[in-house]
Structure formats: C-alpha cells, structure tokens
C-alpha cells in the first residue's frame, strides 16, 4: 500500500511563526523559541541557483545580512536540498560554499529532510520570511520586484524584503507582507 504524505504549511502571515529546533552547520542548536524578543529573518538558499547567485555575487544578500545582524536581527539561512539532489552539500560543504559566497548571516541550517522548508511553505530560493519580536510571521515573499538573474537589476528593483524589514524594525506595519517570491524551486 502506498502512502501519500501531504505537507501542511503552518506559516501564516499574522500568526505565530512555527517554532523549530535544528542544528546549524557548525553543530550549534538553533531554537526559534529562544529568539523571542528579537526580529528573525529566514532565508531559503541554494547557492547553485542563478537567482541566488544574482544576490550573492552582486553583494546584495551579504550586505543585507551584515547590516541587519548589526542591528541585532537574527538571520537564519536554510538550504532544503535533499541528499540525492546534485546540488546537495553536507554541512561542511555548505559552510565552505557559504563562506566563498560571502554569507554573513547568524546561522546556516542544512534542511536535507525538508522539514523546515515544508513547515514554512518555502517554494523557491531565495525566499524570505520575517518574524517579529513577538514571534509573529510578518513577511513571506520575494527579495525584490525584479524576477531576473541580472545583477544590474538589483539597483532599480523595489527592495520588497528590505522595506518590510525596515518597517518591522521601526515598529510599523508591513505593506505587501505576502507576495510571490521568485527563484529556483526548492528541491525536496
């Protein structure tokens, strides 16, 4: 008898973010519940994706990571490539690749079983989520408004994610809290 497994997305804008505990690539335990009182960014990443490459090779994501972690934002990057995917990297390989790409986040998690990705309904890389200091999911969507792989387009795109994160840090309501992210499909 074949079983069909249905993924239940638990992440809903305006509701408490689904909590999780996972090990990062350095073996440190990362608990979302322990981040209460802090703003948290969840970034789905696959360094082989041309849309992710656009934002890393152009320096956009590393700059955002450095800027906002400097403002006490906890930045958790998550790679949900399953082990039989050709782009899968083990923890050491993922850490090495992230360093090569200029990654400056707080934690990097290898979600090879896809548990976190399914919990949040992550569909593409890059896809970004923002959780406010009360633990409420306040943003789910694209990094910007130009769904291209051209680095030059970053400068003229509407920085949807940055605008949302700035609003959260200013204690303001996020406009466009749910929008369609673009990128490469997450490989569950």
N, C-alpha and C. Protein backbone atom coordinates (compact mmCIF):
# COMPACT_ATOMS: atom_id res chain seq x y z
N UNK A 1 0.84 -1.18 0.00
CA UNK A 1 0.00 0.00 0.00
C UNK A 1 0.88 1.24 0.00
N UNK A 2 0.65 2.15 -0.91
CA UNK A 2 1.41 3.39 -0.99
C UNK A 2 0.79 4.44 -0.09
N UNK A 3 1.65 5.17 0.59
CA UNK A 3 1.19 6.28 1.43
C UNK A 3 1.46 7.58 0.72
N UNK A 4 0.54 8.49 0.85
CA UNK A 4 0.74 9.83 0.30
C UNK A 4 0.95 10.75 1.49
N UNK A 5 2.06 11.46 1.47
CA UNK A 5 2.36 12.39 2.55
C UNK A 5 2.00 13.78 2.07
N UNK A 6 1.18 14.46 2.83
CA UNK A 6 0.78 15.81 2.49
C UNK A 6 1.51 16.77 3.41
N UNK A 7 2.14 17.76 2.82
CA UNK A 7 2.82 18.78 3.62
C UNK A 7 1.79 19.79 4.11
N UNK A 8 1.83 20.06 5.37
CA UNK A 8 0.94 21.05 5.94
C UNK A 8 1.78 22.28 6.22
N UNK A 9 1.42 23.37 5.58
CA UNK A 9 2.13 24.62 5.80
C UNK A 9 1.54 25.26 7.05
N UNK A 10 2.40 25.51 8.01
CA UNK A 10 1.96 26.06 9.27
C UNK A 10 2.21 27.56 9.37
N UNK A 11 2.96 28.10 8.44
CA UNK A 11 3.36 29.50 8.49
C UNK A 11 2.31 30.37 7.80
N UNK A 12 1.65 31.22 8.60
CA UNK A 12 0.62 32.10 8.08
C UNK A 12 0.89 33.52 8.57
N UNK A 13 0.88 34.47 7.63
CA UNK A 13 1.10 35.88 7.98
C UNK A 13 0.12 36.30 9.08
N UNK A 14 0.65 36.99 10.09
CA UNK A 14 -0.17 37.48 11.18
C UNK A 14 -0.38 36.48 12.31
N UNK A 15 0.14 35.27 12.13
CA UNK A 15 0.02 34.22 13.15
C UNK A 15 1.40 33.93 13.74
N UNK A 16 1.45 33.31 14.93
CA UNK A 16 2.75 32.93 15.48
C UNK A 16 3.51 32.04 14.48
N UNK A 17 4.78 32.34 14.30
CA UNK A 17 5.62 31.55 13.39
C UNK A 17 5.81 30.15 13.97
N UNK A 18 5.79 29.13 13.12
CA UNK A 18 6.04 27.78 13.61
C UNK A 18 7.43 27.69 14.25
N UNK A 19 7.48 27.16 15.44
CA UNK A 19 8.77 27.06 16.13
C UNK A 19 9.48 25.78 15.71
N UNK A 20 10.78 25.83 15.77
CA UNK A 20 11.59 24.67 15.42
C UNK A 20 12.88 24.70 16.21
N UNK A 21 13.49 23.54 16.30
CA UNK A 21 14.83 23.39 16.85
C UNK A 21 15.61 22.60 15.81
N UNK A 22 16.77 23.10 15.42
CA UNK A 22 17.60 22.42 14.42
C UNK A 22 19.07 22.70 14.74
N UNK A 23 19.94 21.89 14.20
CA UNK A 23 21.38 22.12 14.33
C UNK A 23 21.85 22.89 13.11
N UNK A 24 22.71 23.89 13.35
CA UNK A 24 23.29 24.59 12.21
C UNK A 24 24.49 23.79 11.70
N UNK A 25 25.13 24.26 10.64
CA UNK A 25 26.22 23.51 10.01
C UNK A 25 27.45 23.39 10.91
N UNK A 26 27.51 24.20 11.97
CA UNK A 26 28.63 24.11 12.92
C UNK A 26 28.28 23.27 14.14
N UNK A 27 27.05 22.72 14.15
CA UNK A 27 26.63 21.85 15.24
C UNK A 27 25.93 22.57 16.38
N UNK A 28 25.74 23.88 16.27
CA UNK A 28 25.05 24.63 17.33
C UNK A 28 23.55 24.44 17.20
N UNK A 29 22.87 24.32 18.33
CA UNK A 29 21.43 24.20 18.32
C UNK A 29 20.79 25.57 18.09
N UNK A 30 19.85 25.61 17.17
CA UNK A 30 19.13 26.83 16.84
C UNK A 30 17.67 26.59 17.19
N UNK A 31 17.17 27.35 18.15
CA UNK A 31 15.78 27.25 18.57
C UNK A 31 15.08 28.56 18.28
N UNK A 32 14.03 28.49 17.47
CA UNK A 32 13.30 29.71 17.16
C UNK A 32 12.66 30.28 18.43
N UNK A 33 12.19 29.42 19.31
CA UNK A 33 11.57 29.89 20.56
C UNK A 33 12.54 30.72 21.38
N UNK A 34 13.82 30.41 21.31
CA UNK A 34 14.83 31.16 22.06
C UNK A 34 15.07 32.56 21.49
N UNK A 35 14.52 32.84 20.33
CA UNK A 35 14.75 34.14 19.68
C UNK A 35 13.65 35.16 20.01
N UNK A 36 12.70 34.75 20.84
CA UNK A 36 11.60 35.67 21.21
C UNK A 36 12.19 36.97 21.73
N UNK A 37 11.65 38.09 21.30
CA UNK A 37 12.18 39.39 21.67
C UNK A 37 13.13 39.95 20.62
N UNK A 38 13.45 39.12 19.62
CA UNK A 38 14.33 39.55 18.52
C UNK A 38 13.60 39.40 17.20
N UNK A 39 13.98 40.20 16.23
CA UNK A 39 13.47 40.04 14.88
C UNK A 39 14.32 38.95 14.22
N UNK A 40 13.65 38.04 13.51
CA UNK A 40 14.33 36.91 12.87
C UNK A 40 14.01 36.90 11.38
N UNK A 41 15.03 36.70 10.57
CA UNK A 41 14.88 36.50 9.13
C UNK A 41 15.18 35.04 8.83
N UNK A 42 14.31 34.42 8.04
CA UNK A 42 14.57 33.09 7.50
C UNK A 42 14.76 33.27 6.00
N UNK A 43 15.91 32.84 5.50
CA UNK A 43 16.24 32.97 4.08
C UNK A 43 16.45 31.57 3.51
N UNK A 44 15.63 31.18 2.53
CA UNK A 44 15.88 29.89 1.87
C UNK A 44 16.90 30.13 0.77
N UNK A 45 17.92 29.28 0.76
CA UNK A 45 19.08 29.50 -0.11
C UNK A 45 19.49 28.20 -0.80
N UNK A 46 19.96 28.34 -2.01
CA UNK A 46 20.62 27.26 -2.76
C UNK A 46 21.66 27.99 -3.59
N UNK A 47 22.93 27.86 -3.21
CA UNK A 47 23.99 28.64 -3.84
C UNK A 47 24.19 28.31 -5.32
N UNK A 48 23.61 27.21 -5.81
CA UNK A 48 23.71 26.87 -7.22
C UNK A 48 22.63 27.53 -8.07
N UNK A 49 21.66 28.14 -7.44
CA UNK A 49 20.54 28.78 -8.14
C UNK A 49 20.98 30.12 -8.73
N UNK A 50 20.73 30.39 -10.01
CA UNK A 50 21.14 31.66 -10.62
C UNK A 50 20.49 32.89 -9.98
N UNK A 51 19.30 32.74 -9.42
CA UNK A 51 18.64 33.87 -8.75
C UNK A 51 19.33 34.18 -7.42
N UNK A 52 19.78 33.14 -6.74
CA UNK A 52 20.55 33.33 -5.50
C UNK A 52 21.93 33.91 -5.85
N UNK A 53 22.53 33.37 -6.90
CA UNK A 53 23.84 33.88 -7.34
C UNK A 53 23.78 35.38 -7.62
N UNK A 54 22.66 35.83 -8.24
CA UNK A 54 22.48 37.26 -8.53
C UNK A 54 22.66 38.08 -7.26
N UNK A 55 22.05 37.65 -6.19
CA UNK A 55 22.06 38.44 -4.95
C UNK A 55 23.31 38.23 -4.10
N UNK A 56 24.03 37.14 -4.32
CA UNK A 56 25.30 36.94 -3.60
C UNK A 56 26.47 37.52 -4.39
N UNK A 57 26.54 37.22 -5.70
CA UNK A 57 27.68 37.72 -6.48
C UNK A 57 27.64 39.24 -6.57
N UNK A 58 26.45 39.82 -6.56
CA UNK A 58 26.32 41.27 -6.59
C UNK A 58 26.51 41.90 -5.21
N UNK A 59 26.63 41.05 -4.19
CA UNK A 59 26.87 41.53 -2.84
C UNK A 59 25.61 41.96 -2.08
N UNK A 60 24.45 41.85 -2.70
CA UNK A 60 23.21 42.31 -2.09
C UNK A 60 22.88 41.56 -0.79
N UNK A 61 22.82 40.23 -0.85
CA UNK A 61 22.46 39.48 0.35
C UNK A 61 23.52 39.59 1.44
N UNK A 62 24.80 39.44 1.14
CA UNK A 62 25.79 39.63 2.22
C UNK A 62 25.70 41.01 2.87
N UNK A 63 25.45 42.04 2.08
CA UNK A 63 25.33 43.39 2.64
C UNK A 63 24.10 43.50 3.54
N UNK A 64 22.98 42.95 3.10
CA UNK A 64 21.77 42.95 3.93
C UNK A 64 22.02 42.18 5.23
N UNK A 65 22.65 41.02 5.13
CA UNK A 65 22.95 40.21 6.32
C UNK A 65 23.81 40.99 7.30
N UNK A 66 24.87 41.59 6.79
CA UNK A 66 25.79 42.33 7.65
C UNK A 66 25.10 43.53 8.29
N UNK A 67 24.32 44.27 7.50
CA UNK A 67 23.63 45.45 8.01
C UNK A 67 22.65 45.07 9.12
N UNK A 68 21.82 44.08 8.86
CA UNK A 68 20.74 43.78 9.81
C UNK A 68 21.20 42.93 11.00
N UNK A 69 22.17 42.07 10.83
CA UNK A 69 22.69 41.38 12.02
C UNK A 69 23.38 42.40 12.93
N UNK A 70 23.89 43.49 12.33
CA UNK A 70 24.46 44.58 13.11
C UNK A 70 23.41 45.36 13.88
N UNK A 71 22.13 45.14 13.53
CA UNK A 71 21.01 45.76 14.25
C UNK A 71 20.30 44.71 15.12
N UNK A 72 21.02 43.65 15.47
CA UNK A 72 20.52 42.56 16.33
C UNK A 72 19.43 41.70 15.71
N UNK A 73 19.31 41.70 14.39
CA UNK A 73 18.41 40.78 13.72
C UNK A 73 19.11 39.43 13.65
N UNK A 74 18.37 38.36 13.94
CA UNK A 74 18.91 37.01 13.82
C UNK A 74 18.60 36.53 12.40
N UNK A 75 19.65 36.23 11.63
CA UNK A 75 19.48 35.85 10.22
C UNK A 75 19.81 34.36 10.08
N UNK A 76 18.79 33.58 9.76
CA UNK A 76 18.95 32.13 9.62
C UNK A 76 18.75 31.76 8.17
N UNK A 77 19.81 31.27 7.54
CA UNK A 77 19.73 30.82 6.15
C UNK A 77 19.53 29.31 6.17
N UNK A 78 18.63 28.83 5.32
CA UNK A 78 18.24 27.42 5.32
C UNK A 78 18.34 26.87 3.90
N UNK A 79 19.03 25.75 3.77
CA UNK A 79 19.14 25.06 2.48
C UNK A 79 18.37 23.74 2.59
N UNK A 80 17.32 23.60 1.79
CA UNK A 80 16.46 22.42 1.87
C UNK A 80 16.69 21.43 0.72
N UNK A 81 17.90 21.36 0.19
CA UNK A 81 18.20 20.37 -0.85
C UNK A 81 18.25 18.97 -0.25
N UNK A 82 17.50 18.06 -0.86
CA UNK A 82 17.55 16.68 -0.37
C UNK A 82 18.87 16.04 -0.79
N UNK A 83 19.24 14.98 -0.09
CA UNK A 83 20.57 14.38 -0.28
C UNK A 83 20.82 13.83 -1.68
N UNK A 84 19.78 13.41 -2.39
CA UNK A 84 20.03 12.87 -3.73
C UNK A 84 19.99 13.94 -4.82
N UNK A 85 19.87 15.20 -4.42
CA UNK A 85 19.93 16.30 -5.37
C UNK A 85 21.39 16.56 -5.74
N UNK A 86 21.70 16.76 -7.02
CA UNK A 86 23.10 17.01 -7.42
C UNK A 86 23.72 18.24 -6.75
N UNK A 87 22.91 19.19 -6.29
CA UNK A 87 23.45 20.38 -5.63
C UNK A 87 23.52 20.24 -4.11
N UNK A 88 23.19 19.06 -3.61
CA UNK A 88 23.26 18.84 -2.16
C UNK A 88 24.70 18.96 -1.68
N UNK A 89 24.88 19.62 -0.54
CA UNK A 89 26.18 19.70 0.12
C UNK A 89 25.99 19.28 1.57
N UNK A 90 26.95 18.51 2.10
CA UNK A 90 26.88 18.18 3.52
C UNK A 90 27.18 19.44 4.32
N UNK A 91 27.11 19.34 5.65
CA UNK A 91 27.29 20.54 6.48
C UNK A 91 28.61 21.26 6.20
N UNK A 92 29.68 20.51 6.12
CA UNK A 92 30.99 21.13 5.89
C UNK A 92 31.04 21.79 4.51
N UNK A 93 30.50 21.10 3.51
CA UNK A 93 30.48 21.65 2.15
C UNK A 93 29.60 22.89 2.05
N UNK A 94 28.47 22.87 2.74
CA UNK A 94 27.57 24.02 2.72
C UNK A 94 28.21 25.22 3.42
N UNK A 95 28.87 24.97 4.53
CA UNK A 95 29.57 26.05 5.26
C UNK A 95 30.68 26.64 4.39
N UNK A 96 31.43 25.79 3.71
CA UNK A 96 32.51 26.25 2.84
C UNK A 96 31.97 27.08 1.68
N UNK A 97 30.89 26.61 1.08
CA UNK A 97 30.29 27.33 -0.05
C UNK A 97 29.75 28.68 0.41
N UNK A 98 29.09 28.71 1.57
CA UNK A 98 28.54 29.95 2.10
C UNK A 98 29.65 30.97 2.34
N UNK A 99 30.76 30.52 2.88
CA UNK A 99 31.89 31.42 3.13
C UNK A 99 32.42 31.97 1.80
N UNK A 100 32.53 31.10 0.81
CA UNK A 100 33.01 31.51 -0.51
C UNK A 100 32.08 32.56 -1.13
N UNK A 101 30.77 32.44 -0.87
CA UNK A 101 29.79 33.36 -1.45
C UNK A 101 29.67 34.66 -0.66
N UNK A 102 30.34 34.75 0.49
CA UNK A 102 30.31 35.97 1.28
C UNK A 102 29.20 36.02 2.31
N UNK A 103 28.60 34.89 2.60
CA UNK A 103 27.48 34.81 3.55
C UNK A 103 27.87 35.40 4.90
N UNK A 104 27.00 36.22 5.48
CA UNK A 104 27.28 36.89 6.75
C UNK A 104 26.11 36.78 7.73
N UNK A 105 25.33 35.73 7.61
CA UNK A 105 24.19 35.53 8.49
C UNK A 105 24.60 35.04 9.87
N UNK A 106 23.60 34.73 10.68
CA UNK A 106 23.81 34.26 12.05
C UNK A 106 23.98 32.75 12.10
N UNK A 107 23.05 32.03 11.46
CA UNK A 107 23.08 30.57 11.43
C UNK A 107 22.79 30.08 10.02
N UNK A 108 23.41 28.97 9.65
CA UNK A 108 23.19 28.31 8.37
C UNK A 108 22.75 26.88 8.67
N UNK A 109 21.56 26.52 8.21
CA UNK A 109 20.99 25.21 8.52
C UNK A 109 20.86 24.39 7.24
N UNK A 110 21.29 23.14 7.32
CA UNK A 110 21.14 22.19 6.23
C UNK A 110 19.87 21.39 6.52
N UNK A 111 18.82 21.66 5.78
CA UNK A 111 17.49 21.06 5.98
C UNK A 111 17.26 19.98 4.93
N UNK A 112 18.14 18.98 4.88
CA UNK A 112 18.09 17.96 3.84
C UNK A 112 16.79 17.16 3.85
N UNK A 113 16.17 17.01 5.02
CA UNK A 113 14.91 16.27 5.07
C UNK A 113 13.71 17.15 4.70
N UNK A 114 13.93 18.45 4.53
CA UNK A 114 12.89 19.36 4.09
C UNK A 114 11.87 19.74 5.15
N UNK A 115 12.09 19.34 6.39
CA UNK A 115 11.11 19.59 7.45
C UNK A 115 10.83 21.09 7.63
N UNK A 116 11.89 21.89 7.70
CA UNK A 116 11.69 23.33 7.91
C UNK A 116 11.07 23.99 6.68
N UNK A 117 11.54 23.59 5.51
CA UNK A 117 11.00 24.15 4.27
C UNK A 117 9.51 23.89 4.12
N UNK A 118 9.09 22.68 4.43
CA UNK A 118 7.67 22.35 4.33
C UNK A 118 6.87 23.07 5.41
N UNK A 119 7.45 23.20 6.60
CA UNK A 119 6.78 23.89 7.70
C UNK A 119 6.45 25.33 7.32
N UNK A 120 7.36 25.97 6.58
CA UNK A 120 7.17 27.36 6.18
C UNK A 120 6.60 27.51 4.78
N UNK A 121 6.46 26.41 4.06
CA UNK A 121 5.93 26.51 2.70
C UNK A 121 6.91 27.16 1.75
N UNK A 122 8.21 27.00 2.00
CA UNK A 122 9.24 27.57 1.13
C UNK A 122 9.16 26.89 -0.24
N UNK A 123 9.03 27.71 -1.26
CA UNK A 123 8.88 27.19 -2.62
C UNK A 123 10.09 27.43 -3.51
N UNK A 124 10.78 28.55 -3.28
CA UNK A 124 11.88 28.91 -4.16
C UNK A 124 13.06 29.46 -3.35
N UNK A 125 14.18 29.56 -4.04
CA UNK A 125 15.35 30.24 -3.47
C UNK A 125 15.72 31.38 -4.40
N UNK A 126 15.88 32.60 -3.87
CA UNK A 126 15.71 32.96 -2.48
C UNK A 126 14.25 33.25 -2.15
N UNK A 127 13.81 32.80 -0.99
CA UNK A 127 12.51 33.19 -0.43
C UNK A 127 12.79 33.63 0.99
N UNK A 128 12.19 34.73 1.40
CA UNK A 128 12.49 35.31 2.70
C UNK A 128 11.25 35.46 3.56
N UNK A 129 11.46 35.23 4.84
CA UNK A 129 10.41 35.35 5.85
C UNK A 129 10.94 36.26 6.95
N UNK A 130 10.05 37.05 7.54
CA UNK A 130 10.42 37.87 8.69
C UNK A 130 9.48 37.53 9.83
N UNK A 131 10.07 37.32 10.99
CA UNK A 131 9.33 37.05 12.22
C UNK A 131 9.63 38.20 13.17
N UNK A 132 8.58 38.84 13.68
CA UNK A 132 8.80 40.00 14.54
C UNK A 132 9.21 39.58 15.96
N UNK A 133 9.47 40.57 16.79
CA UNK A 133 9.98 40.30 18.14
C UNK A 133 8.97 39.57 19.02
N UNK A 134 7.70 39.54 18.62
CA UNK A 134 6.66 38.81 19.37
C UNK A 134 6.54 37.36 18.88
N UNK A 135 7.31 37.01 17.84
CA UNK A 135 7.25 35.66 17.29
C UNK A 135 6.18 35.48 16.23
N UNK A 136 5.68 36.59 15.67
CA UNK A 136 4.63 36.54 14.65
C UNK A 136 5.25 36.66 13.26
N UNK A 137 4.79 35.83 12.34
CA UNK A 137 5.26 35.90 10.96
C UNK A 137 4.65 37.13 10.31
N UNK A 138 5.51 38.04 9.83
CA UNK A 138 5.02 39.30 9.26
C UNK A 138 5.41 39.51 7.79
N UNK A 139 6.21 38.60 7.23
CA UNK A 139 6.59 38.73 5.82
C UNK A 139 6.90 37.35 5.26
N UNK A 140 6.43 37.12 4.04
CA UNK A 140 6.71 35.89 3.29
C UNK A 140 6.74 36.30 1.83
N UNK A 141 7.94 36.30 1.23
CA UNK A 141 7.96 36.66 -0.18
C UNK A 141 9.31 36.84 -0.80
N UNK A 142 9.31 37.69 -1.81
CA UNK A 142 10.48 37.92 -2.66
C UNK A 142 11.45 38.90 -2.02
N UNK A 143 12.69 38.82 -2.48
CA UNK A 143 13.70 39.77 -2.02
C UNK A 143 13.47 41.14 -2.68
N UNK A 144 13.03 41.12 -3.94
CA UNK A 144 12.78 42.38 -4.64
C UNK A 144 11.76 42.17 -5.74
N UNK A 145 11.53 43.20 -6.53
CA UNK A 145 10.46 43.18 -7.53
C UNK A 145 10.90 42.73 -8.92
N UNK A 146 12.17 42.44 -9.13
CA UNK A 146 12.63 42.08 -10.47
C UNK A 146 13.10 40.63 -10.52
N UNK A 147 12.23 39.80 -11.07
CA UNK A 147 12.47 38.36 -11.13
C UNK A 147 13.41 38.01 -12.29
N UNK A 148 14.63 38.51 -12.19
CA UNK A 148 15.64 38.23 -13.21
C UNK A 148 16.89 37.69 -12.53
N UNK A 149 17.84 37.25 -13.34
CA UNK A 149 19.13 36.80 -12.82
C UNK A 149 20.23 37.84 -13.06
N UNK A 150 19.84 39.03 -13.48
CA UNK A 150 20.81 40.08 -13.79
C UNK A 150 21.15 40.91 -12.56
N UNK A 151 22.41 40.92 -12.18
CA UNK A 151 22.87 41.70 -11.03
C UNK A 151 22.51 43.16 -11.19
N UNK A 152 22.61 43.69 -12.40
CA UNK A 152 22.33 45.11 -12.65
C UNK A 152 20.90 45.50 -12.28
N UNK A 153 19.97 44.54 -12.28
CA UNK A 153 18.58 44.83 -11.96
C UNK A 153 18.34 45.10 -10.48
N UNK A 154 19.27 44.73 -9.63
CA UNK A 154 19.11 44.96 -8.19
C UNK A 154 18.95 46.45 -7.90
N UNK A 155 19.74 47.26 -8.56
CA UNK A 155 19.74 48.71 -8.30
C UNK A 155 18.41 49.39 -8.62
N UNK A 156 17.65 48.85 -9.59
CA UNK A 156 16.40 49.50 -9.99
C UNK A 156 15.16 48.75 -9.51
N UNK A 157 15.35 47.68 -8.78
CA UNK A 157 14.22 46.90 -8.27
C UNK A 157 13.66 47.54 -7.00
N UNK A 158 12.38 47.30 -6.75
CA UNK A 158 11.78 47.71 -5.49
C UNK A 158 12.24 46.69 -4.44
N UNK A 159 12.96 47.12 -3.40
CA UNK A 159 13.51 46.18 -2.41
C UNK A 159 12.43 45.74 -1.41
N UNK A 160 11.53 44.89 -1.86
CA UNK A 160 10.36 44.48 -1.07
C UNK A 160 10.74 43.98 0.32
N UNK A 161 11.68 43.07 0.38
CA UNK A 161 12.10 42.49 1.65
C UNK A 161 12.73 43.54 2.57
N UNK A 162 13.65 44.34 2.04
CA UNK A 162 14.32 45.37 2.83
C UNK A 162 13.31 46.37 3.38
N UNK A 163 12.35 46.77 2.55
CA UNK A 163 11.32 47.68 3.00
C UNK A 163 10.53 47.08 4.16
N UNK A 164 10.20 45.80 4.04
CA UNK A 164 9.45 45.12 5.10
C UNK A 164 10.26 45.03 6.38
N UNK A 165 11.53 44.69 6.26
CA UNK A 165 12.38 44.56 7.45
C UNK A 165 12.58 45.92 8.12
N UNK A 166 12.74 46.96 7.34
CA UNK A 166 12.86 48.31 7.90
C UNK A 166 11.58 48.69 8.65
N UNK A 167 10.42 48.34 8.09
CA UNK A 167 9.14 48.64 8.74
C UNK A 167 9.04 47.91 10.08
N UNK A 168 9.42 46.64 10.10
CA UNK A 168 9.37 45.86 11.34
C UNK A 168 10.27 46.50 12.40
N UNK A 169 11.47 46.86 12.01
CA UNK A 169 12.41 47.45 12.97
C UNK A 169 11.95 48.83 13.46
N UNK A 170 11.15 49.51 12.65
CA UNK A 170 10.61 50.82 13.05
C UNK A 170 9.29 50.69 13.81
N UNK A 171 8.82 49.45 13.99
CA UNK A 171 7.56 49.24 14.70
C UNK A 171 6.34 49.58 13.86
N UNK A 172 6.51 49.58 12.55
CA UNK A 172 5.42 49.90 11.63
C UNK A 172 4.84 48.64 11.01
N UNK A 173 3.65 48.78 10.46
CA UNK A 173 3.01 47.66 9.77
C UNK A 173 3.71 47.41 8.44
N UNK A 174 3.82 46.14 8.09
CA UNK A 174 4.45 45.76 6.82
C UNK A 174 3.40 45.80 5.72
N UNK A 175 3.67 46.55 4.66
CA UNK A 175 2.79 46.52 3.50
C UNK A 175 3.34 45.47 2.53
N UNK A 176 2.45 44.80 1.84
CA UNK A 176 2.89 43.74 0.92
C UNK A 176 3.52 42.58 1.66
N UNK A 177 2.95 42.21 2.80
CA UNK A 177 3.54 41.18 3.67
C UNK A 177 3.60 39.81 3.02
N UNK A 178 2.70 39.54 2.10
CA UNK A 178 2.71 38.25 1.39
C UNK A 178 2.74 38.58 -0.09
N UNK A 179 3.82 38.17 -0.74
CA UNK A 179 3.92 38.37 -2.18
C UNK A 179 4.58 37.16 -2.80
N UNK A 180 4.55 37.09 -4.11
CA UNK A 180 5.07 35.91 -4.80
C UNK A 180 6.59 35.99 -4.92
N UNK A 181 7.29 35.05 -4.27
CA UNK A 181 8.75 35.02 -4.42
C UNK A 181 9.12 34.43 -5.78
N UNK A 182 10.30 34.76 -6.24
CA UNK A 182 10.80 34.20 -7.49
C UNK A 182 12.12 33.49 -7.24
N UNK A 183 12.45 32.56 -8.12
CA UNK A 183 13.72 31.87 -8.00
C UNK A 183 13.64 30.44 -8.47
N UNK A 184 14.58 29.63 -7.99
CA UNK A 184 14.64 28.21 -8.34
C UNK A 184 13.81 27.43 -7.33
N UNK A 185 13.10 26.43 -7.80
CA UNK A 185 12.27 25.60 -6.93
C UNK A 185 13.11 24.91 -5.86
N UNK A 186 12.56 24.88 -4.63
CA UNK A 186 13.22 24.15 -3.55
C UNK A 186 13.15 22.66 -3.89
N UNK A 187 14.25 21.96 -3.72
CA UNK A 187 14.36 20.55 -4.14
C UNK A 187 14.13 19.60 -2.96
N UNK A 188 12.85 19.34 -2.67
CA UNK A 188 12.50 18.43 -1.55
C UNK A 188 12.70 16.99 -1.97
